[in-house]
Amino acid sequence: AATCMTADGLATALMVMGPQKGVKLVDRLEG
């Protein structure tokens, strides 16, 4: 992601969300 803080927060959130929901979220986020 553009910043490490964003990447770190998202990485942990995606761990919790699970693979399908997590990838679906990232597909909606630009960059």
PDB file of all heavy atoms in Angstrom:
ATOM      1  N   ALA A   1       0.857  -1.194   0.000  1.00  0.00           N
ATOM      2  CA  ALA A   1       0.000   0.000   0.000  1.00  0.00           C
ATOM      3  C   ALA A   1       0.889   1.239   0.000  1.00  0.00           C
ATOM      4  O   ALA A   1       2.111   1.143   0.117  1.00  0.00           O
ATOM      5  CB  ALA A   1      -0.926  -0.005   1.214  1.00  0.00           C
ATOM      6  N   ALA A   2       0.280   2.400  -0.101  1.00  0.00           N
ATOM      7  CA  ALA A   2       1.017   3.661  -0.176  1.00  0.00           C
ATOM      8  C   ALA A   2       1.834   3.931   1.089  1.00  0.00           C
ATOM      9  O   ALA A   2       2.905   4.526   1.021  1.00  0.00           O
ATOM     10  CB  ALA A   2       0.066   4.820  -0.435  1.00  0.00           C
ATOM     11  N   THR A   3       1.327   3.511   2.244  1.00  0.00           N
ATOM     12  CA  THR A   3       2.075   3.704   3.488  1.00  0.00           C
ATOM     13  C   THR A   3       2.169   2.372   4.231  1.00  0.00           C
ATOM     14  O   THR A   3       1.281   1.513   4.113  1.00  0.00           O
ATOM     15  CB  THR A   3       1.409   4.737   4.421  1.00  0.00           C
ATOM     16  OG1 THR A   3       0.176   4.192   4.916  1.00  0.00           O
ATOM     17  CG2 THR A   3       1.158   6.060   3.706  1.00  0.00           C
ATOM     18  N   CYS A   4       3.215   2.238   5.007  1.00  0.00           N
ATOM     19  CA  CYS A   4       3.396   1.024   5.799  1.00  0.00           C
ATOM     20  C   CYS A   4       2.297   0.894   6.851  1.00  0.00           C
ATOM     21  O   CYS A   4       1.854  -0.206   7.145  1.00  0.00           O
ATOM     22  CB  CYS A   4       4.779   1.015   6.441  1.00  0.00           C
ATOM     23  SG  CYS A   4       5.175  -0.565   7.221  1.00  0.00           S
ATOM     24  N   MET A   5       1.842   2.015   7.414  1.00  0.00           N
ATOM     25  CA  MET A   5       0.781   1.976   8.411  1.00  0.00           C
ATOM     26  C   MET A   5      -0.499   1.390   7.813  1.00  0.00           C
ATOM     27  O   MET A   5      -1.152   0.547   8.434  1.00  0.00           O
ATOM     28  CB  MET A   5       0.498   3.365   8.985  1.00  0.00           C
ATOM     29  CG  MET A   5      -0.507   3.312  10.098  1.00  0.00           C
ATOM     30  SD  MET A   5      -0.872   4.831  11.021  1.00  0.00           S
ATOM     31  CE  MET A   5      -0.132   6.128  10.154  1.00  0.00           C
ATOM     32  N   THR A   6      -0.831   1.809   6.605  1.00  0.00           N
ATOM     33  CA  THR A   6      -2.014   1.263   5.930  1.00  0.00           C
ATOM     34  C   THR A   6      -1.828  -0.226   5.653  1.00  0.00           C
ATOM     35  O   THR A   6      -2.725  -1.036   5.902  1.00  0.00           O
ATOM     36  CB  THR A   6      -2.286   2.023   4.616  1.00  0.00           C
ATOM     37  OG1 THR A   6      -2.528   3.391   4.921  1.00  0.00           O
ATOM     38  CG2 THR A   6      -3.472   1.447   3.873  1.00  0.00           C
ATOM     39  N   ALA A   7      -0.658  -0.590   5.137  1.00  0.00           N
ATOM     40  CA  ALA A   7      -0.380  -1.993   4.819  1.00  0.00           C
ATOM     41  C   ALA A   7      -0.459  -2.854   6.075  1.00  0.00           C
ATOM     42  O   ALA A   7      -1.040  -3.947   6.052  1.00  0.00           O
ATOM     43  CB  ALA A   7       0.990  -2.117   4.158  1.00  0.00           C
ATOM     44  N   ASP A   8       0.096  -2.381   7.187  1.00  0.00           N
ATOM     45  CA  ASP A   8       0.106  -3.141   8.430  1.00  0.00           C
ATOM     46  C   ASP A   8      -1.305  -3.347   8.962  1.00  0.00           C
ATOM     47  O   ASP A   8      -1.680  -4.462   9.340  1.00  0.00           O
ATOM     48  CB  ASP A   8       0.974  -2.428   9.466  1.00  0.00           C
ATOM     49  CG  ASP A   8       1.134  -3.241  10.736  1.00  0.00           C
ATOM     50  OD1 ASP A   8       1.376  -4.458  10.647  1.00  0.00           O
ATOM     51  OD2 ASP A   8       1.027  -2.644  11.824  1.00  0.00           O
ATOM     52  N   GLY A   9      -2.079  -2.289   8.985  1.00  0.00           N
ATOM     53  CA  GLY A   9      -3.460  -2.410   9.457  1.00  0.00           C
ATOM     54  C   GLY A   9      -4.278  -3.345   8.595  1.00  0.00           C
ATOM     55  O   GLY A   9      -5.032  -4.184   9.097  1.00  0.00           O
ATOM     56  N   LEU A  10      -4.118  -3.223   7.287  1.00  0.00           N
ATOM     57  CA  LEU A  10      -4.855  -4.095   6.373  1.00  0.00           C
ATOM     58  C   LEU A  10      -4.413  -5.549   6.502  1.00  0.00           C
ATOM     59  O   LEU A  10      -5.250  -6.463   6.467  1.00  0.00           O
ATOM     60  CB  LEU A  10      -4.698  -3.628   4.927  1.00  0.00           C
ATOM     61  CG  LEU A  10      -5.561  -2.456   4.514  1.00  0.00           C
ATOM     62  CD1 LEU A  10      -5.142  -1.936   3.140  1.00  0.00           C
ATOM     63  CD2 LEU A  10      -7.035  -2.851   4.504  1.00  0.00           C
ATOM     64  N   ALA A  11      -3.119  -5.783   6.646  1.00  0.00           N
ATOM     65  CA  ALA A  11      -2.626  -7.165   6.749  1.00  0.00           C
ATOM     66  C   ALA A  11      -3.264  -7.866   7.947  1.00  0.00           C
ATOM     67  O   ALA A  11      -3.725  -9.011   7.831  1.00  0.00           O
ATOM     68  CB  ALA A  11      -1.106  -7.176   6.853  1.00  0.00           C
ATOM     69  N   THR A  12      -3.319  -7.191   9.078  1.00  0.00           N
ATOM     70  CA  THR A  12      -3.938  -7.793  10.262  1.00  0.00           C
ATOM     71  C   THR A  12      -5.442  -7.951  10.071  1.00  0.00           C
ATOM     72  O   THR A  12      -6.016  -8.986  10.408  1.00  0.00           O
ATOM     73  CB  THR A  12      -3.637  -6.954  11.516  1.00  0.00           C
ATOM     74  OG1 THR A  12      -2.212  -6.852  11.657  1.00  0.00           O
ATOM     75  CG2 THR A  12      -4.224  -7.593  12.762  1.00  0.00           C
ATOM     76  N   ALA A  13      -6.089  -6.943   9.508  1.00  0.00           N
ATOM     77  CA  ALA A  13      -7.534  -7.033   9.266  1.00  0.00           C
ATOM     78  C   ALA A  13      -7.865  -8.183   8.321  1.00  0.00           C
ATOM     79  O   ALA A  13      -8.833  -8.917   8.548  1.00  0.00           O
ATOM     80  CB  ALA A  13      -8.050  -5.715   8.687  1.00  0.00           C
ATOM     81  N   LEU A  14      -7.064  -8.363   7.282  1.00  0.00           N
ATOM     82  CA  LEU A  14      -7.315  -9.450   6.328  1.00  0.00           C
ATOM     83  C   LEU A  14      -7.124 -10.805   6.987  1.00  0.00           C
ATOM     84  O   LEU A  14      -7.814 -11.768   6.644  1.00  0.00           O
ATOM     85  CB  LEU A  14      -6.418  -9.319   5.104  1.00  0.00           C
ATOM     86  CG  LEU A  14      -6.599  -8.046   4.270  1.00  0.00           C
ATOM     87  CD1 LEU A  14      -5.685  -8.078   3.056  1.00  0.00           C
ATOM     88  CD2 LEU A  14      -8.030  -7.823   3.860  1.00  0.00           C
ATOM     89  N   MET A  15      -6.178 -10.907   7.933  1.00  0.00           N
ATOM     90  CA  MET A  15      -6.010 -12.159   8.683  1.00  0.00           C
ATOM     91  C   MET A  15      -7.315 -12.527   9.383  1.00  0.00           C
ATOM     92  O   MET A  15      -7.709 -13.686   9.410  1.00  0.00           O
ATOM     93  CB  MET A  15      -4.916 -12.007   9.752  1.00  0.00           C
ATOM     94  CG  MET A  15      -3.505 -11.956   9.267  1.00  0.00           C
ATOM     95  SD  MET A  15      -2.789 -13.560   8.882  1.00  0.00           S
ATOM     96  CE  MET A  15      -2.997 -14.499  10.367  1.00  0.00           C
ATOM     97  N   VAL A  16      -7.980 -11.529   9.934  1.00  0.00           N
ATOM     98  CA  VAL A  16      -9.220 -11.766  10.669  1.00  0.00           C
ATOM     99  C   VAL A  16     -10.385 -12.024   9.709  1.00  0.00           C
ATOM    100  O   VAL A  16     -11.207 -12.911   9.941  1.00  0.00           O
ATOM    101  CB  VAL A  16      -9.538 -10.569  11.595  1.00  0.00           C
ATOM    102  CG1 VAL A  16     -10.908 -10.727  12.245  1.00  0.00           C
ATOM    103  CG2 VAL A  16      -8.451 -10.425  12.657  1.00  0.00           C
ATOM    104  N   MET A  17     -10.432 -11.280   8.617  1.00  0.00           N
ATOM    105  CA  MET A  17     -11.555 -11.375   7.679  1.00  0.00           C
ATOM    106  C   MET A  17     -11.633 -12.712   6.960  1.00  0.00           C
ATOM    107  O   MET A  17     -12.713 -13.162   6.593  1.00  0.00           O
ATOM    108  CB  MET A  17     -11.466 -10.263   6.633  1.00  0.00           C
ATOM    109  CG  MET A  17     -11.670  -8.882   7.191  1.00  0.00           C
ATOM    110  SD  MET A  17     -11.384  -7.603   5.964  1.00  0.00           S
ATOM    111  CE  MET A  17     -12.866  -7.798   4.966  1.00  0.00           C
ATOM    112  N   GLY A  18     -10.487 -13.323   6.717  1.00  0.00           N
ATOM    113  CA  GLY A  18     -10.456 -14.556   5.944  1.00  0.00           C
ATOM    114  C   GLY A  18     -10.121 -14.272   4.496  1.00  0.00           C
ATOM    115  O   GLY A  18     -10.201 -13.123   4.039  1.00  0.00           O
ATOM    116  N   PRO A  19      -9.728 -15.307   3.749  1.00  0.00           N
ATOM    117  CA  PRO A  19      -9.223 -15.086   2.398  1.00  0.00           C
ATOM    118  C   PRO A  19     -10.237 -14.486   1.424  1.00  0.00           C
ATOM    119  O   PRO A  19      -9.905 -13.552   0.694  1.00  0.00           O
ATOM    120  CB  PRO A  19      -8.757 -16.466   1.943  1.00  0.00           C
ATOM    121  CG  PRO A  19      -9.275 -17.438   2.926  1.00  0.00           C
ATOM    122  CD  PRO A  19      -9.647 -16.697   4.163  1.00  0.00           C
ATOM    123  N   GLN A  20     -11.437 -14.993   1.379  1.00  0.00           N
ATOM    124  CA  GLN A  20     -12.401 -14.506   0.395  1.00  0.00           C
ATOM    125  C   GLN A  20     -12.815 -13.065   0.667  1.00  0.00           C
ATOM    126  O   GLN A  20     -12.763 -12.208  -0.220  1.00  0.00           O
ATOM    127  CB  GLN A  20     -13.643 -15.410   0.334  1.00  0.00           C
ATOM    128  CG  GLN A  20     -13.377 -16.763  -0.278  1.00  0.00           C
ATOM    129  CD  GLN A  20     -12.768 -17.755   0.707  1.00  0.00           C
ATOM    130  OE1 GLN A  20     -12.848 -17.581   1.926  1.00  0.00           O
ATOM    131  NE2 GLN A  20     -12.132 -18.788   0.183  1.00  0.00           N
ATOM    132  N   LYS A  21     -13.244 -12.782   1.881  1.00  0.00           N
ATOM    133  CA  LYS A  21     -13.674 -11.428   2.217  1.00  0.00           C
ATOM    134  C   LYS A  21     -12.514 -10.443   2.146  1.00  0.00           C
ATOM    135  O   LYS A  21     -12.684  -9.300   1.726  1.00  0.00           O
ATOM    136  CB  LYS A  21     -14.300 -11.386   3.611  1.00  0.00           C
ATOM    137  CG  LYS A  21     -15.659 -12.034   3.687  1.00  0.00           C
ATOM    138  CD  LYS A  21     -16.220 -11.940   5.078  1.00  0.00           C
ATOM    139  CE  LYS A  21     -17.577 -12.625   5.156  1.00  0.00           C
ATOM    140  NZ  LYS A  21     -18.120 -12.588   6.514  1.00  0.00           N
ATOM    141  N   GLY A  22     -11.325 -10.883   2.562  1.00  0.00           N
ATOM    142  CA  GLY A  22     -10.161 -10.011   2.542  1.00  0.00           C
ATOM    143  C   GLY A  22      -9.765  -9.595   1.135  1.00  0.00           C
ATOM    144  O   GLY A  22      -9.533  -8.415   0.864  1.00  0.00           O
ATOM    145  N   VAL A  23      -9.695 -10.559   0.218  1.00  0.00           N
ATOM    146  CA  VAL A  23      -9.335 -10.245  -1.170  1.00  0.00           C
ATOM    147  C   VAL A  23     -10.411  -9.378  -1.807  1.00  0.00           C
ATOM    148  O   VAL A  23     -10.112  -8.455  -2.568  1.00  0.00           O
ATOM    149  CB  VAL A  23      -9.087 -11.534  -1.978  1.00  0.00           C
ATOM    150  CG1 VAL A  23      -8.951 -11.243  -3.462  1.00  0.00           C
ATOM    151  CG2 VAL A  23      -7.829 -12.242  -1.464  1.00  0.00           C
ATOM    152  N   LYS A  24     -11.659  -9.642  -1.465  1.00  0.00           N
ATOM    153  CA  LYS A  24     -12.760  -8.824  -1.982  1.00  0.00           C
ATOM    154  C   LYS A  24     -12.604  -7.362  -1.570  1.00  0.00           C
ATOM    155  O   LYS A  24     -12.824  -6.447  -2.358  1.00  0.00           O
ATOM    156  CB  LYS A  24     -14.087  -9.383  -1.473  1.00  0.00           C
ATOM    157  CG  LYS A  24     -15.276  -9.093  -2.312  1.00  0.00           C
ATOM    158  CD  LYS A  24     -16.469  -9.820  -1.717  1.00  0.00           C
ATOM    159  CE  LYS A  24     -17.435 -10.161  -2.793  1.00  0.00           C
ATOM    160  NZ  LYS A  24     -18.609 -10.860  -2.302  1.00  0.00           N
ATOM    161  N   LEU A  25     -12.196  -7.123  -0.319  1.00  0.00           N
ATOM    162  CA  LEU A  25     -11.961  -5.769   0.157  1.00  0.00           C
ATOM    163  C   LEU A  25     -10.807  -5.126  -0.612  1.00  0.00           C
ATOM    164  O   LEU A  25     -10.924  -3.999  -1.093  1.00  0.00           O
ATOM    165  CB  LEU A  25     -11.648  -5.762   1.653  1.00  0.00           C
ATOM    166  CG  LEU A  25     -11.147  -4.430   2.221  1.00  0.00           C
ATOM    167  CD1 LEU A  25     -12.217  -3.352   2.095  1.00  0.00           C
ATOM    168  CD2 LEU A  25     -10.690  -4.594   3.658  1.00  0.00           C
ATOM    169  N   VAL A  26      -9.689  -5.817  -0.722  1.00  0.00           N
ATOM    170  CA  VAL A  26      -8.515  -5.266  -1.411  1.00  0.00           C
ATOM    171  C   VAL A  26      -8.835  -4.958  -2.871  1.00  0.00           C
ATOM    172  O   VAL A  26      -8.352  -3.959  -3.411  1.00  0.00           O
ATOM    173  CB  VAL A  26      -7.312  -6.226  -1.280  1.00  0.00           C
ATOM    174  CG1 VAL A  26      -6.171  -5.811  -2.195  1.00  0.00           C
ATOM    175  CG2 VAL A  26      -6.832  -6.266   0.166  1.00  0.00           C
ATOM    176  N   ASP A  27      -9.647  -5.773  -3.505  1.00  0.00           N
ATOM    177  CA  ASP A  27     -10.034  -5.512  -4.903  1.00  0.00           C
ATOM    178  C   ASP A  27     -10.749  -4.167  -5.051  1.00  0.00           C
ATOM    179  O   ASP A  27     -10.729  -3.581  -6.128  1.00  0.00           O
ATOM    180  CB  ASP A  27     -10.927  -6.632  -5.440  1.00  0.00           C
ATOM    181  CG  ASP A  27     -10.155  -7.889  -5.760  1.00  0.00           C
ATOM    182  OD1 ASP A  27      -8.904  -7.833  -5.854  1.00  0.00           O
ATOM    183  OD2 ASP A  27     -10.801  -8.956  -5.922  1.00  0.00           O
ATOM    184  N   ARG A  28     -11.362  -3.679  -3.993  1.00  0.00           N
ATOM    185  CA  ARG A  28     -12.071  -2.398  -4.045  1.00  0.00           C
ATOM    186  C   ARG A  28     -11.176  -1.208  -3.702  1.00  0.00           C
ATOM    187  O   ARG A  28     -11.589  -0.059  -3.856  1.00  0.00           O
ATOM    188  CB  ARG A  28     -13.260  -2.419  -3.078  1.00  0.00           C
ATOM    189  CG  ARG A  28     -14.336  -3.417  -3.468  1.00  0.00           C
ATOM    190  CD  ARG A  28     -15.636  -3.225  -2.687  1.00  0.00           C
ATOM    191  NE  ARG A  28     -15.468  -2.871  -1.294  1.00  0.00           N
ATOM    192  CZ  ARG A  28     -15.702  -3.668  -0.255  1.00  0.00           C
ATOM    193  NH1 ARG A  28     -16.078  -4.906  -0.451  1.00  0.00           N
ATOM    194  NH2 ARG A  28     -15.546  -3.243   0.975  1.00  0.00           N
ATOM    195  N   LEU A  29      -9.965  -1.460  -3.210  1.00  0.00           N
ATOM    196  CA  LEU A  29      -9.069  -0.389  -2.776  1.00  0.00           C
ATOM    197  C   LEU A  29      -8.050  -0.060  -3.867  1.00  0.00           C
ATOM    198  O   LEU A  29      -7.318  -0.941  -4.316  1.00  0.00           O
ATOM    199  CB  LEU A  29      -8.333  -0.799  -1.500  1.00  0.00           C
ATOM    200  CG  LEU A  29      -9.222  -1.116  -0.296  1.00  0.00           C
ATOM    201  CD1 LEU A  29      -8.381  -1.639   0.855  1.00  0.00           C
ATOM    202  CD2 LEU A  29     -10.016   0.111   0.123  1.00  0.00           C
ATOM    203  N   GLU A  30      -8.012   1.188  -4.257  1.00  0.00           N
ATOM    204  CA  GLU A  30      -7.084   1.623  -5.301  1.00  0.00           C
ATOM    205  C   GLU A  30      -5.656   1.649  -4.762  1.00  0.00           C
ATOM    206  O   GLU A  30      -5.400   2.141  -3.660  1.00  0.00           O
ATOM    207  CB  GLU A  30      -7.475   3.015  -5.794  1.00  0.00           C
ATOM    208  CG  GLU A  30      -6.715   3.439  -7.021  1.00  0.00           C
ATOM    209  CD  GLU A  30      -7.240   4.747  -7.580  1.00  0.00           C
ATOM    210  OE1 GLU A  30      -8.466   4.961  -7.535  1.00  0.00           O
ATOM    211  OE2 GLU A  30      -6.413   5.543  -8.027  1.00  0.00           O
ATOM    212  N   GLY A  31      -4.724   1.098  -5.526  1.00  0.00           N
ATOM    213  CA  GLY A  31      -3.315   1.138  -5.158  1.00  0.00           C
ATOM    214  C   GLY A  31      -2.915   0.177  -4.057  1.00  0.00           C
ATOM    215  O   GLY A  31      -1.858   0.335  -3.450  1.00  0.00           O
TER     216      GLY A  31
END
